[in-house]
Amino acid sequence: MIIVGGSALLASVMLIRKYKYAVFYSAIVGLIIMVFEFVEVLAIGSPTGAGLIMQIIYFVFGIAMVKCSLFVLYLDMKKQDVEMVK
């Protein structure tokens, strides 16, 4: 749990401070969250009720982090490509 929460906290700090690889690291954190939830389901199963809902929410949150990070990276690459053409 420290790895998942600590990496997410580190990604947040990196984004706030505008580090060069912060967006890439955020995508990695999204993958870490998704892998953690997948392994959790394999190890202990999927509980009923609130536990199941939380697993789904965290997995979807990981997917959203990866998709948003990749979209920002895509926009950044597209912006650099436009600047190189000029």
Protein backbone atom coordinates (compact mmCIF):
# COMPACT_ATOMS: atom_id res chain seq x y z
CA MET A 1 0.00 0.00 0.00
CA ILE A 2 2.91 2.35 0.66
CA ILE A 3 4.16 1.79 -2.89
CA VAL A 4 0.79 2.69 -4.42
CA GLY A 5 0.05 5.69 -2.20
CA GLY A 6 3.65 6.89 -2.08
CA SER A 7 4.06 6.77 -5.83
CA ALA A 8 0.78 8.65 -6.31
CA LEU A 9 1.90 11.29 -3.81
CA LEU A 10 5.26 11.61 -5.55
CA ALA A 11 3.53 11.98 -8.93
CA SER A 12 1.32 14.72 -7.51
CA VAL A 13 4.32 16.62 -6.14
CA MET A 14 6.15 16.23 -9.44
CA LEU A 15 3.14 17.58 -11.35
CA ILE A 16 2.77 20.55 -9.00
CA ARG A 17 6.48 21.38 -9.33
CA LYS A 18 6.29 20.84 -13.12
CA TYR A 19 9.11 18.34 -13.43
CA LYS A 20 10.06 17.25 -16.93
CA TYR A 21 8.94 13.62 -16.60
CA ALA A 22 5.99 14.16 -14.25
CA VAL A 23 3.34 13.23 -16.81
CA PHE A 24 5.19 10.06 -17.80
CA TYR A 25 5.57 9.13 -14.13
CA SER A 26 1.83 9.71 -13.62
CA ALA A 27 1.12 7.15 -16.35
CA ILE A 28 3.40 4.68 -14.57
CA VAL A 29 1.52 5.33 -11.31
CA GLY A 30 -1.77 4.59 -13.08
CA LEU A 31 -0.33 1.27 -14.22
CA ILE A 32 0.86 0.55 -10.67
CA ILE A 33 -2.66 1.13 -9.35
CA MET A 34 -4.18 -1.14 -12.00
CA VAL A 35 -1.66 -3.92 -11.35
CA PHE A 36 -2.21 -3.61 -7.59
CA GLU A 37 -5.97 -4.00 -7.97
CA PHE A 38 -5.57 -6.90 -10.40
CA VAL A 39 -3.23 -8.74 -8.03
CA GLU A 40 -5.52 -7.96 -5.10
CA VAL A 41 -8.44 -9.63 -6.88
CA LEU A 42 -6.25 -12.65 -7.70
CA ALA A 43 -4.91 -12.92 -4.15
CA ILE A 44 -7.99 -12.34 -2.00
CA GLY A 45 -10.79 -12.45 -4.51
CA SER A 46 -13.44 -9.88 -5.12
CA PRO A 47 -15.57 -9.13 -2.05
CA THR A 48 -19.20 -8.16 -2.26
CA GLY A 49 -20.66 -4.76 -1.49
CA ALA A 50 -18.45 -1.77 -0.83
CA GLY A 51 -15.20 -3.70 -1.34
CA LEU A 52 -16.14 -4.62 -4.89
CA ILE A 53 -17.17 -1.06 -5.67
CA MET A 54 -13.88 0.30 -4.30
CA GLN A 55 -11.85 -2.16 -6.39
CA ILE A 56 -13.72 -1.10 -9.52
CA ILE A 57 -13.35 2.61 -8.70
CA TYR A 58 -9.59 2.31 -8.10
CA PHE A 59 -9.07 0.28 -11.27
CA VAL A 60 -11.03 2.83 -13.32
CA PHE A 61 -9.04 5.61 -11.61
CA GLY A 62 -5.83 3.89 -12.76
CA ILE A 63 -7.16 3.67 -16.31
CA ALA A 64 -8.12 7.35 -16.20
CA MET A 65 -4.64 8.33 -14.99
CA VAL A 66 -2.98 6.42 -17.81
CA LYS A 67 -5.36 7.78 -20.46
CA CYS A 68 -5.02 11.38 -19.28
CA SER A 69 -1.24 11.12 -19.06
CA LEU A 70 -0.97 9.62 -22.54
CA PHE A 71 -3.29 12.32 -23.90
CA VAL A 72 -1.14 15.08 -22.37
CA LEU A 73 1.99 13.43 -23.78
CA TYR A 74 0.29 13.23 -27.19
CA LEU A 75 -0.63 16.93 -27.07
CA ASP A 76 2.91 17.82 -26.04
CA MET A 77 4.41 15.81 -28.89
CA LYS A 78 1.94 17.35 -31.34
CA LYS A 79 2.86 20.83 -30.08
CA GLN A 80 6.58 20.08 -30.52
CA ASP A 81 5.93 18.77 -34.02
CA VAL A 82 4.13 21.99 -34.97
CA GLU A 83 6.97 24.07 -33.56
CA MET A 84 9.54 22.07 -35.56
CA VAL A 85 7.60 22.67 -38.79
CA LYS A 86 7.72 26.44 -38.36
